Amino acid sequence: MTISEDGYVGVLRLDHTSVQVTTDGYATKTSTLSASRSYPNLSEADTSLIPKTIEDKGKTLTLGDVKWSESMDVDGEGNPVTRYTATDSYTGTTSSRYATGYTVSASYTGEVSKANCAVVTYTAIFGSEKAPEESKAPGGNEQHDSDPSQTEAPDTAKEPVDLSGLKRPVMIGVVVLALGTSGVFAFKKFKERR
C-alpha cells in the first residue's frame, strides 16, 4: 500500500507471516425449539398415556400444551367406543456460543522518504599544535656551520619569519552522516532542525 503521512511518502508491503487474528470476545445466544406430536386411538384423554419428553434433532424437548380430540369407533364385538387423539406441543431451548468480533493485526514493511528536509548546521572543531623550536647550543649562542665559500653581509636585511607554521589547524571529530534520500550530512552529530 502507498503511505503519505507527516511528509513521508513510500510504498509498504504486507508481511504475510505477521498476520494474526484475535477474538474480541464471546457471547451466548439462546434459541427456542418446538415440535409437535400426535398420539391417536387413545382409550382415555389422560396425559399419562403420552410421553413427557421427546428427542428432536438431538435436542430434548419437554411436553407443553396438549389438545384432545375424540372420535367414535367400534370394538371387535361391534360395540361403539370413544377414541381420543392427543396433539402435543413440545418445547425446549438451545444455546450457542459465538464470537462478538475479531481483530486482525499485521506488519507492513518498506521504504519511505521525506522531501525538503530541514536545514542542518554544520559545526567543525579545530585544535592546534606548535611547530618544533630551533635547536640552540649551550650558552644561548646559536651554532651555524661555517661555509668558507659563503659569508653573510653584515648589513643584509633578514627575511621576515613565516609565522603561519606556528599553528597548524587540525580538523578533528568529523563525522559524516547521510540522512534519508535528500543527501543531508552532519558533522560530530551536531544537527539543528528548523
Protein backbone atom coordinates (compact mmCIF):
# COMPACT_ATOMS: atom_id res chain seq x y z
CA MET A 1 0.00 0.00 0.00
CA THR A 2 1.06 3.61 -0.55
CA ILE A 3 1.64 5.72 2.54
CA SER A 4 1.69 9.51 2.81
CA GLU A 5 1.92 10.76 6.36
CA ASP A 6 3.79 13.61 8.09
CA GLY A 7 5.60 14.41 4.88
CA TYR A 8 6.84 10.86 4.35
CA VAL A 9 5.94 9.07 1.12
CA GLY A 10 6.62 5.47 0.20
CA VAL A 11 5.26 2.02 -0.56
CA LEU A 12 4.76 -0.61 2.14
CA ARG A 13 4.11 -4.29 1.56
CA LEU A 14 2.27 -6.74 3.76
CA ASP A 15 4.36 -9.28 5.65
CA HIS A 16 2.08 -12.33 5.38
CA THR A 17 3.91 -14.14 8.16
CA SER A 18 2.94 -11.42 10.64
CA VAL A 19 -0.83 -11.69 10.22
CA GLN A 20 -2.56 -12.52 13.50
CA VAL A 21 -6.28 -12.81 14.25
CA THR A 22 -7.59 -12.47 17.79
CA THR A 23 -11.14 -12.71 19.11
CA ASP A 24 -12.55 -9.64 20.83
CA GLY A 25 -14.91 -11.69 22.98
CA TYR A 26 -17.69 -14.24 23.08
CA ALA A 27 -21.43 -14.18 23.73
CA THR A 28 -24.09 -16.83 24.15
CA LYS A 29 -27.20 -16.98 22.02
CA THR A 30 -30.25 -18.88 23.21
CA SER A 31 -32.89 -20.13 20.78
CA THR A 32 -36.28 -21.73 21.39
CA LEU A 33 -37.08 -25.10 19.86
CA SER A 34 -40.51 -26.56 19.30
CA ALA A 35 -42.03 -29.69 17.88
CA SER A 36 -45.44 -31.33 17.77
CA ARG A 37 -46.56 -34.92 18.04
CA SER A 38 -49.89 -36.63 17.53
CA TYR A 39 -50.98 -39.70 19.51
CA PRO A 40 -54.24 -41.19 18.14
CA ASN A 41 -56.51 -44.03 19.25
CA LEU A 42 -56.11 -43.44 22.96
CA SER A 43 -58.67 -45.03 25.23
CA GLU A 44 -58.82 -42.04 27.53
CA ALA A 45 -57.95 -38.35 27.48
CA ASP A 46 -55.22 -38.88 30.01
CA THR A 47 -51.79 -37.23 29.81
CA SER A 48 -50.25 -40.28 31.46
CA LEU A 49 -50.75 -42.04 28.13
CA ILE A 50 -48.41 -39.67 26.27
CA PRO A 51 -44.64 -39.19 26.71
CA LYS A 52 -43.48 -36.20 28.75
CA THR A 53 -40.27 -35.65 26.74
CA ILE A 54 -39.11 -36.37 23.22
CA GLU A 55 -35.86 -36.20 21.29
CA ASP A 56 -35.88 -33.92 18.25
CA LYS A 57 -32.73 -33.32 16.15
CA GLY A 58 -30.54 -34.31 19.05
CA LYS A 59 -32.27 -31.97 21.49
CA THR A 60 -34.54 -32.96 24.36
CA LEU A 61 -37.94 -31.25 24.32
CA THR A 62 -40.47 -31.16 27.12
CA LEU A 63 -44.23 -31.59 26.85
CA GLY A 64 -46.08 -28.30 26.80
CA ASP A 65 -49.60 -27.91 25.53
CA VAL A 66 -51.94 -30.86 24.86
CA LYS A 67 -55.04 -30.71 22.69
CA TRP A 68 -57.54 -33.54 22.71
CA SER A 69 -59.94 -34.67 20.06
CA GLU A 70 -62.33 -37.61 20.11
CA SER A 71 -63.92 -39.88 17.57
CA MET A 72 -66.41 -42.75 17.64
CA ASP A 73 -65.37 -46.28 16.74
CA VAL A 74 -66.47 -49.87 17.34
CA ASP A 75 -64.62 -52.57 19.12
CA GLY A 76 -64.16 -56.15 17.99
CA GLU A 77 -67.60 -57.10 19.15
CA GLY A 78 -69.27 -54.27 17.33
CA ASN A 79 -69.83 -52.13 20.37
CA PRO A 80 -69.36 -48.40 19.98
CA VAL A 81 -66.35 -46.91 21.73
CA THR A 82 -64.85 -43.45 22.01
CA ARG A 83 -61.28 -42.95 20.90
CA TYR A 84 -59.10 -39.95 21.76
CA THR A 85 -56.31 -38.27 19.88
CA ALA A 86 -53.73 -36.10 21.66
CA THR A 87 -51.92 -33.41 19.72
CA ASP A 88 -48.97 -32.35 21.84
CA SER A 89 -46.59 -29.42 21.64
CA TYR A 90 -43.08 -29.91 22.92
CA THR A 91 -40.67 -27.06 23.59
CA GLY A 92 -37.05 -26.64 24.55
CA THR A 93 -34.08 -24.31 24.25
CA THR A 94 -30.65 -24.50 22.74
CA SER A 95 -27.61 -22.31 23.33
CA SER A 96 -24.74 -21.46 21.04
CA ARG A 97 -21.56 -19.51 21.70
CA TYR A 98 -20.31 -17.09 19.09
CA ALA A 99 -17.57 -14.50 18.72
CA THR A 100 -18.61 -10.88 19.07
CA GLY A 101 -15.81 -9.64 16.81
CA TYR A 102 -12.32 -10.17 15.53
CA THR A 103 -9.17 -8.06 15.43
CA VAL A 104 -6.63 -8.61 12.67
CA SER A 105 -3.09 -7.27 13.09
CA ALA A 106 -0.30 -7.32 10.52
CA SER A 107 3.03 -5.68 9.78
CA TYR A 108 3.88 -3.73 6.65
CA THR A 109 7.48 -3.16 5.61
CA GLY A 110 9.06 -0.93 3.02
CA GLU A 111 10.94 2.32 2.50
CA VAL A 112 9.68 5.87 2.87
CA SER A 113 11.36 9.18 2.13
CA LYS A 114 10.78 12.79 3.09
CA ALA A 115 11.42 15.63 0.69
CA ASN A 116 12.61 19.13 1.69
CA CYS A 117 14.48 18.11 4.80
CA ALA A 118 15.14 20.78 7.41
CA VAL A 119 18.30 22.92 7.32
CA VAL A 120 21.26 21.37 9.09
CA THR A 121 24.00 23.47 10.73
CA TYR A 122 27.49 22.01 10.44
CA THR A 123 29.95 22.53 13.31
CA ALA A 124 33.67 21.84 12.97
CA ILE A 125 36.07 21.68 15.93
CA PHE A 126 39.69 22.67 15.43
CA GLY A 127 42.80 22.04 17.51
CA SER A 128 46.39 23.26 17.16
CA GLU A 129 49.94 22.12 17.79
CA LYS A 130 53.15 24.17 17.96
CA ALA A 131 55.84 23.95 15.35
CA PRO A 132 59.15 22.48 16.63
CA GLU A 133 61.56 25.10 18.02
CA GLU A 134 65.02 25.65 16.55
CA SER A 135 67.85 23.94 18.42
CA LYS A 136 70.25 26.16 20.35
CA ALA A 137 73.77 25.47 21.53
CA PRO A 138 74.58 25.54 25.26
CA GLY A 139 75.17 29.09 26.49
CA GLY A 140 72.44 30.58 24.36
CA ASN A 141 74.53 31.08 21.23
CA GLU A 142 73.20 29.74 18.01
CA GLN A 143 75.58 27.38 16.22
CA HIS A 144 75.92 27.63 12.44
CA ASP A 145 78.11 25.57 10.21
CA SER A 146 80.62 27.85 8.55
CA ASP A 147 80.97 27.66 4.88
CA PRO A 148 84.21 29.22 3.61
CA SER A 149 82.62 29.91 0.27
CA GLN A 150 79.71 31.85 1.73
CA THR A 151 79.83 34.87 4.03
CA GLU A 152 76.85 36.85 5.28
CA ALA A 153 76.88 40.54 4.59
CA PRO A 154 76.68 42.47 7.85
CA ASP A 155 74.04 44.96 6.61
CA THR A 156 71.90 42.48 4.76
CA ALA A 157 68.23 42.60 5.99
CA LYS A 158 66.93 39.28 7.12
CA GLU A 159 63.72 37.97 5.61
CA PRO A 160 60.70 38.02 7.91
CA VAL A 161 59.93 34.75 9.61
CA ASP A 162 56.87 32.98 8.30
CA LEU A 163 54.67 32.60 11.38
CA SER A 164 51.99 30.73 9.59
CA GLY A 165 53.67 27.49 10.52
CA LEU A 166 53.45 28.12 14.25
CA LYS A 167 49.94 26.94 14.38
CA ARG A 168 48.59 24.30 12.13
CA PRO A 169 44.81 23.81 12.24
CA VAL A 170 43.84 20.26 12.59
CA MET A 171 40.27 19.32 11.93
CA ILE A 172 39.16 16.65 14.34
CA GLY A 173 35.98 14.80 15.07
CA VAL A 174 34.42 14.96 11.64
CA VAL A 175 31.61 12.54 11.24
CA VAL A 176 29.62 12.33 8.08
CA LEU A 177 26.12 11.04 8.39
CA ALA A 178 23.83 10.50 5.41
CA LEU A 179 20.22 11.27 6.20
CA GLY A 180 17.44 9.66 4.05
CA THR A 181 17.47 10.28 0.33
CA SER A 182 17.88 14.05 0.50
CA GLY A 183 21.65 13.87 0.94
CA VAL A 184 21.81 15.63 4.31
CA PHE A 185 25.08 15.42 6.23
CA ALA A 186 26.02 16.21 9.81
CA PHE A 187 29.39 16.73 11.47
CA LYS A 188 30.05 15.44 15.00
CA LYS A 189 26.35 14.64 15.46
CA PHE A 190 25.51 18.36 15.76
CA LYS A 191 22.21 18.71 13.99
CA GLU A 192 19.79 21.58 14.24
CA ARG A 193 16.38 21.39 12.64
CA ARG A 194 14.23 24.36 11.81
